N, C-alpha and C. Protein backbone atom coordinates (compact mmCIF):
# COMPACT_ATOMS: atom_id res chain seq x y z
N MET A 1 -69.53 -137.55 28.02
CA MET A 1 -70.42 -136.59 27.82
C MET A 1 -71.72 -136.87 28.80
N SER A 2 -72.53 -135.80 29.44
CA SER A 2 -73.35 -136.01 30.29
C SER A 2 -74.69 -135.08 28.92
N ARG A 3 -75.77 -135.80 29.05
CA ARG A 3 -76.85 -135.15 28.73
C ARG A 3 -77.77 -133.89 29.66
N VAL A 4 -77.30 -132.72 29.57
CA VAL A 4 -78.15 -132.04 30.08
C VAL A 4 -79.37 -131.50 29.57
N ASN A 5 -80.41 -131.20 30.70
CA ASN A 5 -81.35 -130.71 29.99
C ASN A 5 -81.86 -129.22 30.21
N GLN A 6 -82.29 -128.40 29.49
CA GLN A 6 -82.81 -127.06 29.96
C GLN A 6 -83.76 -126.80 30.83
N THR A 7 -83.65 -125.74 31.51
CA THR A 7 -84.51 -125.62 32.55
C THR A 7 -85.31 -124.36 32.42
N THR A 8 -85.09 -123.53 31.26
CA THR A 8 -86.05 -122.46 30.83
C THR A 8 -86.08 -122.96 29.26
N THR A 9 -87.47 -122.28 29.22
CA THR A 9 -87.85 -122.45 27.36
C THR A 9 -88.69 -121.41 27.10
N ALA A 10 -88.48 -121.36 25.93
CA ALA A 10 -88.67 -120.11 24.75
C ALA A 10 -90.38 -119.70 25.45
N ASP A 11 -91.34 -120.52 25.96
CA ASP A 11 -92.74 -120.15 26.21
C ASP A 11 -92.57 -119.69 27.75
N ASP A 12 -91.42 -119.27 28.13
CA ASP A 12 -91.60 -118.66 29.78
C ASP A 12 -91.83 -117.28 29.36
N PRO A 13 -92.32 -116.45 29.88
CA PRO A 13 -92.43 -115.12 29.81
C PRO A 13 -91.92 -114.13 30.26
N GLN A 14 -91.05 -114.80 31.36
CA GLN A 14 -90.08 -114.04 32.02
C GLN A 14 -88.76 -114.48 31.49
N ARG A 15 -88.43 -115.32 30.91
CA ARG A 15 -86.87 -115.66 30.72
C ARG A 15 -86.80 -116.17 29.46
N LEU A 16 -85.70 -116.34 28.83
CA LEU A 16 -85.04 -116.64 27.14
C LEU A 16 -85.05 -118.41 27.55
N GLY A 17 -85.01 -119.01 26.79
CA GLY A 17 -84.70 -120.00 26.84
C GLY A 17 -83.08 -120.37 26.95
N ASN A 18 -82.49 -121.54 27.57
CA ASN A 18 -81.37 -121.90 27.84
C ASN A 18 -80.77 -123.20 27.07
N CYS A 19 -81.38 -123.52 26.18
CA CYS A 19 -80.98 -124.50 25.28
C CYS A 19 -79.17 -124.73 24.93
N VAL A 20 -79.06 -123.54 24.51
CA VAL A 20 -77.99 -123.16 24.34
C VAL A 20 -76.56 -123.77 25.39
N SER A 21 -77.10 -123.07 26.63
CA SER A 21 -76.26 -123.37 27.46
C SER A 21 -76.49 -124.89 27.91
N ALA A 22 -77.64 -125.28 27.81
CA ALA A 22 -77.78 -127.07 28.30
C ALA A 22 -76.77 -127.74 27.13
N CYS A 23 -76.68 -127.47 26.20
CA CYS A 23 -75.92 -128.19 25.05
C CYS A 23 -74.12 -127.89 25.36
N VAL A 24 -73.52 -126.52 25.76
CA VAL A 24 -72.41 -126.50 26.41
C VAL A 24 -72.28 -127.48 27.41
N ALA A 25 -73.50 -127.40 28.44
CA ALA A 25 -72.82 -128.08 30.08
C ALA A 25 -72.68 -129.54 29.25
N SER A 26 -73.51 -130.01 28.40
CA SER A 26 -73.69 -131.66 27.82
C SER A 26 -72.03 -132.00 27.34
N ILE A 27 -71.65 -130.91 26.42
CA ILE A 27 -70.63 -131.40 25.80
C ILE A 27 -69.24 -131.18 26.57
N LEU A 28 -69.21 -130.57 27.49
CA LEU A 28 -68.21 -130.07 28.53
C LEU A 28 -68.23 -130.72 29.82
N ASN A 29 -69.39 -131.78 29.80
CA ASN A 29 -69.67 -132.69 30.78
C ASN A 29 -69.40 -131.65 32.36
N ARG A 30 -70.35 -130.43 32.28
CA ARG A 30 -70.49 -129.78 33.44
C ARG A 30 -71.79 -129.39 33.97
N PRO A 31 -71.87 -129.19 35.33
CA PRO A 31 -73.51 -129.06 35.77
C PRO A 31 -73.98 -127.37 34.85
N LEU A 32 -75.27 -127.57 34.79
CA LEU A 32 -75.76 -126.46 33.86
C LEU A 32 -75.45 -124.94 35.07
N ASP A 33 -75.54 -125.23 36.37
CA ASP A 33 -75.26 -123.80 37.16
C ASP A 33 -73.61 -123.17 37.24
N GLU A 34 -72.59 -124.00 35.91
CA GLU A 34 -71.64 -123.54 35.94
C GLU A 34 -71.18 -123.01 34.58
N VAL A 35 -72.39 -123.09 33.80
CA VAL A 35 -72.64 -122.47 32.29
C VAL A 35 -73.23 -121.00 32.60
N PRO A 36 -72.72 -120.41 31.98
CA PRO A 36 -73.69 -118.74 31.61
C PRO A 36 -75.00 -119.21 31.11
N HIS A 37 -75.96 -118.52 31.03
CA HIS A 37 -77.27 -118.66 30.00
C HIS A 37 -76.88 -117.01 29.24
N PHE A 38 -76.41 -117.81 28.23
CA PHE A 38 -75.48 -116.92 27.29
C PHE A 38 -76.56 -115.90 26.45
N ALA A 39 -77.92 -116.42 26.02
CA ALA A 39 -78.87 -115.43 25.51
C ALA A 39 -79.57 -114.37 26.58
N GLU A 40 -79.38 -114.69 28.02
CA GLU A 40 -79.69 -113.51 29.01
C GLU A 40 -78.80 -112.80 29.18
N GLU A 41 -77.31 -113.22 29.38
CA GLU A 41 -76.16 -111.94 29.78
C GLU A 41 -76.25 -111.70 28.34
N GLY A 42 -76.37 -111.91 27.10
CA GLY A 42 -76.36 -110.83 26.11
C GLY A 42 -77.18 -109.92 26.09
N ARG A 43 -78.30 -110.26 26.44
CA ARG A 43 -79.32 -109.01 26.69
C ARG A 43 -78.56 -108.15 27.31
N LEU A 44 -78.05 -108.46 28.50
CA LEU A 44 -77.42 -107.50 29.37
C LEU A 44 -76.40 -106.77 29.17
N LEU A 45 -75.91 -107.08 27.73
CA LEU A 45 -74.91 -106.55 27.13
C LEU A 45 -75.17 -105.68 25.80
N GLY A 46 -76.49 -105.92 25.79
CA GLY A 46 -77.12 -105.10 24.74
C GLY A 46 -77.31 -105.69 23.42
N ASP A 47 -77.59 -107.06 23.64
CA ASP A 47 -78.47 -107.93 22.67
C ASP A 47 -79.60 -107.65 22.70
N THR A 48 -80.85 -107.55 21.57
CA THR A 48 -82.14 -107.30 21.73
C THR A 48 -83.05 -109.01 21.67
N LEU A 49 -84.09 -108.55 21.60
CA LEU A 49 -85.05 -110.01 21.41
C LEU A 49 -85.24 -109.88 20.48
N ASP A 50 -85.36 -110.95 19.65
CA ASP A 50 -85.98 -111.25 18.25
C ASP A 50 -87.28 -111.79 18.41
N ASP A 51 -88.71 -110.80 18.33
CA ASP A 51 -89.96 -111.30 18.70
C ASP A 51 -90.60 -112.39 17.97
N GLY A 52 -89.75 -112.65 16.99
CA GLY A 52 -90.29 -113.64 15.96
C GLY A 52 -90.09 -115.06 16.49
N GLU A 53 -89.02 -115.23 16.82
CA GLU A 53 -88.46 -116.51 17.43
C GLU A 53 -88.03 -116.66 18.87
N ASN A 54 -88.22 -115.46 19.37
CA ASN A 54 -88.12 -115.59 20.72
C ASN A 54 -86.77 -116.09 21.11
N THR A 55 -85.86 -115.31 20.50
CA THR A 55 -84.32 -115.78 20.97
C THR A 55 -83.28 -114.44 20.84
N ALA A 56 -82.41 -114.57 21.80
CA ALA A 56 -81.47 -112.92 21.45
C ALA A 56 -81.15 -112.95 20.27
N SER A 57 -81.02 -111.55 19.66
CA SER A 57 -80.34 -111.03 18.65
C SER A 57 -79.16 -110.28 18.82
N GLY A 58 -78.07 -110.24 18.35
CA GLY A 58 -76.83 -109.63 18.59
C GLY A 58 -75.59 -110.59 18.62
N ILE A 59 -74.60 -109.66 18.96
CA ILE A 59 -73.61 -110.76 19.03
C ILE A 59 -72.97 -110.85 20.16
N ALA A 60 -73.39 -110.35 21.23
CA ALA A 60 -72.53 -110.46 22.55
C ALA A 60 -73.04 -111.69 23.28
N TRP A 61 -73.81 -112.18 23.07
CA TRP A 61 -73.83 -113.96 23.42
C TRP A 61 -73.30 -114.74 22.97
N TRP A 62 -72.94 -114.76 21.50
CA TRP A 62 -72.10 -115.31 20.52
C TRP A 62 -70.67 -114.91 21.24
N ALA A 63 -70.54 -113.92 21.30
CA ALA A 63 -68.67 -113.74 21.65
C ALA A 63 -68.46 -114.01 23.29
N MET A 64 -69.41 -114.09 24.00
CA MET A 64 -69.44 -114.74 25.48
C MET A 64 -69.18 -116.41 25.35
N MET A 65 -70.40 -116.93 24.32
CA MET A 65 -69.84 -118.35 24.10
C MET A 65 -68.79 -118.89 23.64
N LEU A 66 -67.87 -117.87 22.69
CA LEU A 66 -66.63 -117.88 21.69
C LEU A 66 -65.73 -118.23 23.13
N GLY A 67 -65.68 -117.14 24.15
CA GLY A 67 -64.98 -117.18 25.04
C GLY A 67 -64.86 -118.07 26.19
N TYR A 68 -65.94 -118.55 26.38
CA TYR A 68 -66.18 -119.66 27.24
C TYR A 68 -65.63 -120.88 26.78
N MET A 69 -66.02 -121.28 25.51
CA MET A 69 -65.37 -122.32 24.80
C MET A 69 -63.83 -122.58 24.39
N ALA A 70 -63.69 -121.20 24.13
CA ALA A 70 -62.04 -121.13 23.86
C ALA A 70 -61.44 -121.11 25.51
N ALA A 71 -62.04 -120.70 26.45
CA ALA A 71 -61.24 -121.21 27.95
C ALA A 71 -61.24 -122.79 28.12
N ALA A 72 -62.29 -123.53 27.64
CA ALA A 72 -62.43 -125.05 27.98
C ALA A 72 -61.74 -125.54 27.02
N GLY A 73 -60.72 -124.93 25.71
CA GLY A 73 -60.04 -125.35 24.55
C GLY A 73 -60.67 -125.96 23.23
N TYR A 74 -61.70 -125.16 23.21
CA TYR A 74 -62.26 -125.38 21.93
C TYR A 74 -62.48 -124.24 20.94
N SER A 75 -62.53 -124.76 19.88
CA SER A 75 -63.19 -123.51 18.53
C SER A 75 -64.34 -123.95 17.54
N PRO A 76 -65.13 -122.99 17.10
CA PRO A 76 -66.23 -123.68 16.39
C PRO A 76 -65.35 -123.67 15.03
N VAL A 77 -66.04 -124.86 14.23
CA VAL A 77 -65.78 -125.12 12.72
C VAL A 77 -67.29 -125.26 12.12
N GLN A 78 -67.78 -124.32 11.37
CA GLN A 78 -69.01 -124.29 10.98
C GLN A 78 -69.09 -125.52 9.73
N LEU A 79 -69.76 -126.41 9.51
CA LEU A 79 -70.20 -127.35 8.37
C LEU A 79 -70.97 -127.11 7.76
N ALA A 80 -71.59 -127.70 6.23
CA ALA A 80 -72.43 -127.43 5.85
C ALA A 80 -73.76 -128.36 6.20
N HIS A 81 -73.10 -129.52 6.65
CA HIS A 81 -73.89 -130.69 6.96
C HIS A 81 -73.52 -131.57 7.98
N VAL A 82 -74.07 -132.16 8.97
CA VAL A 82 -73.77 -133.26 9.76
C VAL A 82 -73.14 -133.84 9.38
N ASP A 83 -73.53 -134.31 7.77
CA ASP A 83 -72.34 -136.00 7.92
C ASP A 83 -71.38 -135.54 7.41
N GLN A 84 -70.67 -134.10 7.59
CA GLN A 84 -69.41 -133.74 7.39
C GLN A 84 -68.36 -133.83 8.84
N ALA A 85 -69.03 -134.33 9.66
CA ALA A 85 -68.48 -134.34 10.88
C ALA A 85 -67.36 -135.39 11.05
N GLU A 86 -66.64 -135.44 11.71
CA GLU A 86 -65.52 -136.21 12.00
C GLU A 86 -66.36 -137.68 12.95
N PRO A 87 -65.86 -138.71 12.74
CA PRO A 87 -66.58 -139.83 13.53
C PRO A 87 -66.46 -139.61 15.11
N GLY A 88 -67.64 -139.97 15.71
CA GLY A 88 -67.83 -139.78 17.16
C GLY A 88 -67.81 -138.30 17.60
N GLU A 89 -67.92 -137.36 16.64
CA GLU A 89 -67.89 -135.84 17.22
C GLU A 89 -69.20 -135.17 17.30
N TYR A 90 -69.21 -134.46 18.20
CA TYR A 90 -70.43 -133.65 18.64
C TYR A 90 -70.70 -132.56 18.22
N LEU A 91 -71.73 -132.34 17.43
CA LEU A 91 -72.20 -131.02 16.83
C LEU A 91 -73.33 -130.36 17.42
N PHE A 92 -73.11 -128.66 17.64
CA PHE A 92 -74.22 -127.97 17.93
C PHE A 92 -75.15 -127.97 16.46
N VAL A 93 -76.29 -128.31 16.47
CA VAL A 93 -76.90 -128.17 15.45
C VAL A 93 -78.55 -127.00 15.59
N ALA A 94 -78.35 -125.87 15.10
CA ALA A 94 -79.49 -125.24 15.42
C ALA A 94 -80.08 -125.15 14.17
N GLY A 95 -81.66 -125.02 14.49
CA GLY A 95 -82.85 -124.58 13.46
C GLY A 95 -84.14 -124.59 14.04
N LEU A 96 -85.00 -124.28 13.06
CA LEU A 96 -86.52 -124.03 13.74
C LEU A 96 -87.14 -125.41 14.36
N SER A 97 -87.54 -125.16 15.66
CA SER A 97 -88.09 -126.49 16.66
C SER A 97 -89.59 -126.76 16.07
N PRO A 98 -90.34 -127.68 16.38
CA PRO A 98 -91.82 -127.83 16.12
C PRO A 98 -92.67 -126.69 16.44
N ARG A 99 -91.81 -125.97 17.72
CA ARG A 99 -92.99 -124.91 18.40
C ARG A 99 -92.46 -123.88 18.05
N GLY A 100 -91.93 -123.56 17.00
CA GLY A 100 -91.83 -122.61 16.16
C GLY A 100 -90.55 -121.71 16.51
N VAL A 101 -89.95 -122.00 17.33
CA VAL A 101 -88.81 -120.99 17.80
C VAL A 101 -87.57 -121.43 17.36
N MET A 102 -86.57 -120.66 17.31
CA MET A 102 -85.18 -121.21 16.95
C MET A 102 -84.69 -122.50 18.25
N HIS A 103 -83.71 -123.05 18.03
CA HIS A 103 -83.56 -124.13 19.51
C HIS A 103 -82.30 -124.61 18.88
N GLN A 104 -81.51 -125.25 19.99
CA GLN A 104 -80.33 -125.87 19.74
C GLN A 104 -80.11 -127.28 20.17
N VAL A 105 -79.65 -128.00 19.56
CA VAL A 105 -79.44 -129.60 19.99
C VAL A 105 -78.25 -130.08 19.40
N ILE A 106 -77.71 -131.46 19.88
CA ILE A 106 -76.67 -132.14 20.03
C ILE A 106 -76.67 -133.20 18.96
N TYR A 107 -76.08 -133.28 17.57
CA TYR A 107 -75.95 -134.81 16.98
C TYR A 107 -74.60 -135.00 17.13
N ARG A 108 -74.54 -136.54 16.75
CA ARG A 108 -73.48 -137.24 16.96
C ARG A 108 -73.65 -138.24 15.78
N ASP A 109 -72.35 -138.55 14.91
CA ASP A 109 -72.73 -139.82 13.73
C ASP A 109 -74.06 -139.81 12.77
N GLY A 110 -74.09 -138.40 12.69
CA GLY A 110 -75.37 -137.93 11.78
C GLY A 110 -76.65 -137.92 12.32
N LEU A 111 -76.96 -138.57 13.99
CA LEU A 111 -78.18 -138.49 14.49
C LEU A 111 -78.52 -137.51 15.52
N LEU A 112 -79.40 -137.30 15.92
CA LEU A 112 -79.77 -136.46 17.19
C LEU A 112 -79.43 -137.31 18.39
N TRP A 113 -78.24 -136.22 18.96
CA TRP A 113 -78.18 -137.33 20.45
C TRP A 113 -78.66 -136.89 21.50
N HIS A 114 -78.82 -135.58 21.45
CA HIS A 114 -79.41 -134.83 22.59
C HIS A 114 -80.61 -133.86 22.05
N ASP A 115 -81.95 -133.73 22.59
CA ASP A 115 -82.25 -132.40 22.52
C ASP A 115 -82.79 -131.94 24.07
N PRO A 116 -82.41 -130.80 24.54
CA PRO A 116 -82.26 -130.60 25.90
C PRO A 116 -83.82 -130.13 26.09
N HIS A 117 -84.35 -129.89 25.08
CA HIS A 117 -85.73 -129.41 25.57
C HIS A 117 -86.96 -130.64 25.86
N PRO A 118 -87.71 -130.36 27.06
CA PRO A 118 -88.49 -131.81 27.69
C PRO A 118 -89.21 -132.45 26.54
N SER A 119 -89.60 -131.86 25.68
CA SER A 119 -90.18 -132.68 24.64
C SER A 119 -89.70 -133.68 23.89
N ARG A 120 -88.35 -133.35 23.72
CA ARG A 120 -87.07 -134.15 22.61
C ARG A 120 -87.72 -134.24 21.57
N ASP A 121 -88.36 -133.60 20.59
CA ASP A 121 -88.55 -133.18 19.83
C ASP A 121 -87.52 -132.96 18.54
N GLY A 122 -86.77 -132.43 18.93
CA GLY A 122 -85.56 -132.38 17.56
C GLY A 122 -86.02 -130.95 16.91
N LEU A 123 -85.25 -130.87 15.84
CA LEU A 123 -85.69 -129.67 14.82
C LEU A 123 -86.12 -130.25 13.59
N VAL A 124 -87.34 -129.19 12.78
CA VAL A 124 -87.86 -128.92 11.90
C VAL A 124 -87.29 -129.09 10.64
N ASP A 125 -86.10 -128.44 10.71
CA ASP A 125 -85.15 -127.86 9.78
C ASP A 125 -83.76 -127.46 10.45
N VAL A 126 -82.56 -127.55 9.27
CA VAL A 126 -81.45 -127.09 10.42
C VAL A 126 -80.90 -125.94 9.34
N ARG A 127 -80.42 -125.03 10.41
CA ARG A 127 -80.02 -123.95 9.89
C ARG A 127 -78.55 -123.66 9.96
N GLU A 128 -77.77 -124.38 10.82
CA GLU A 128 -76.44 -124.22 11.38
C GLU A 128 -75.88 -125.59 11.94
N VAL A 129 -74.88 -125.91 11.25
CA VAL A 129 -74.12 -126.90 12.26
C VAL A 129 -72.57 -126.34 12.47
N LEU A 130 -72.32 -126.64 13.60
CA LEU A 130 -70.90 -126.14 14.27
C LEU A 130 -70.31 -127.44 14.82
N ALA A 131 -69.27 -127.57 14.72
CA ALA A 131 -68.23 -128.84 15.26
C ALA A 131 -67.53 -127.89 16.42
N TRP A 132 -67.33 -128.01 17.46
CA TRP A 132 -66.61 -127.53 18.31
C TRP A 132 -65.13 -128.37 18.65
N ARG A 133 -64.20 -128.18 17.83
CA ARG A 133 -63.10 -128.85 18.06
C ARG A 133 -62.09 -128.36 19.15
N PRO A 134 -60.97 -129.57 19.63
CA PRO A 134 -60.06 -129.20 20.23
C PRO A 134 -59.14 -128.15 19.78
N ARG A 135 -58.62 -127.31 20.23
CA ARG A 135 -57.63 -126.21 19.97
C ARG A 135 -56.64 -125.94 20.78
N ARG A 136 -55.40 -126.15 20.33
CA ARG A 136 -53.85 -125.32 20.61
C ARG A 136 -53.56 -124.14 20.26
N TRP A 137 -53.62 -123.00 21.00
CA TRP A 137 -53.08 -121.98 20.34
C TRP A 137 -51.55 -121.48 20.50
N ASP A 138 -50.86 -121.05 18.93
CA ASP A 138 -49.58 -120.97 19.03
C ASP A 138 -49.43 -119.85 19.83
N HIS A 139 -48.34 -119.79 20.73
CA HIS A 139 -47.63 -118.92 21.47
C HIS A 139 -46.00 -118.94 20.88
N THR A 140 -45.57 -119.61 20.26
CA THR A 140 -43.98 -119.69 19.95
C THR A 140 -43.79 -118.39 19.66
N PRO A 141 -42.73 -117.76 20.65
CA PRO A 141 -42.26 -116.26 20.14
C PRO A 141 -41.67 -116.33 18.67
N THR A 142 -41.57 -115.12 18.31
CA THR A 142 -41.06 -115.35 16.82
C THR A 142 -39.50 -114.94 16.92
N PRO A 143 -38.91 -115.54 16.05
CA PRO A 143 -37.41 -115.78 16.30
C PRO A 143 -36.84 -113.85 15.81
N PRO A 144 -35.94 -113.81 16.55
CA PRO A 144 -35.15 -112.82 16.37
C PRO A 144 -34.62 -112.38 15.19
N PRO A 145 -34.89 -111.21 14.29
CA PRO A 145 -34.10 -111.15 13.00
C PRO A 145 -32.55 -111.57 13.01
N VAL A 146 -31.91 -112.23 12.13
CA VAL A 146 -30.64 -111.99 11.51
C VAL A 146 -30.06 -111.03 10.99
N LEU A 147 -29.18 -110.32 11.40
CA LEU A 147 -28.84 -109.35 11.01
C LEU A 147 -27.73 -109.35 10.15
N VAL A 148 -27.60 -108.75 8.83
CA VAL A 148 -26.80 -108.90 7.82
C VAL A 148 -25.74 -107.80 7.99
N GLU A 149 -25.01 -107.77 7.83
CA GLU A 149 -23.91 -106.76 7.78
C GLU A 149 -23.78 -106.18 6.51
N PRO A 150 -24.38 -104.79 5.91
CA PRO A 150 -23.57 -104.11 4.61
C PRO A 150 -22.40 -104.29 4.19
N THR A 151 -22.44 -105.07 2.83
CA THR A 151 -21.00 -104.42 2.15
C THR A 151 -20.98 -103.40 1.81
N PRO A 152 -19.91 -102.34 2.39
CA PRO A 152 -19.75 -101.01 1.72
C PRO A 152 -19.35 -101.32 0.07
N LYS A 153 -20.07 -100.31 -0.72
CA LYS A 153 -19.87 -99.99 -1.93
C LYS A 153 -18.29 -99.75 -2.20
N GLY A 154 -17.84 -100.33 -3.40
CA GLY A 154 -16.60 -99.96 -3.98
C GLY A 154 -15.25 -100.77 -3.27
N VAL A 155 -16.01 -101.59 -2.51
CA VAL A 155 -15.09 -102.74 -1.75
C VAL A 155 -14.94 -103.92 -2.65
N PRO A 156 -13.82 -104.70 -2.70
CA PRO A 156 -13.68 -105.83 -3.78
C PRO A 156 -14.20 -106.85 -3.22
N GLY A 157 -15.03 -107.18 -4.06
CA GLY A 157 -15.98 -108.61 -3.53
C GLY A 157 -17.21 -107.94 -3.18
N ALA A 158 -17.53 -106.81 -3.42
CA ALA A 158 -19.15 -106.29 -3.41
C ALA A 158 -19.74 -106.65 -4.34
């Protein structure tokens, strides 16, 4: 895994912060320019801006991220606490940053592993913990039904 830094932050008057994209790039070991800017793309698809925390509010960005991660072979598992992670597992942890905005960081083994913001300040509270676990999808065809010939009524042995 590589630690990828965000290139836009919540204090930019023109753009939304891309901490989530930087976290995705980090755990998938990809350059940031190969990962969508989920918050901004979500706004193009109808998400609104939550002015209180300068974050995209809606489900389009989340649906896009789920699809992107599924294509990479991962699905999310929500955890109540970072201590519920499997050993060595990378977690997306969301919460309020010291700057007063929602922020995404990565934890590993119960500790902050990477804060993509230039300050590296982490979070002041934790609101969500997600483990992105490898997943295989079951595409086994359903076996054909076994046809049983009905026994006619009134026939001996029926």
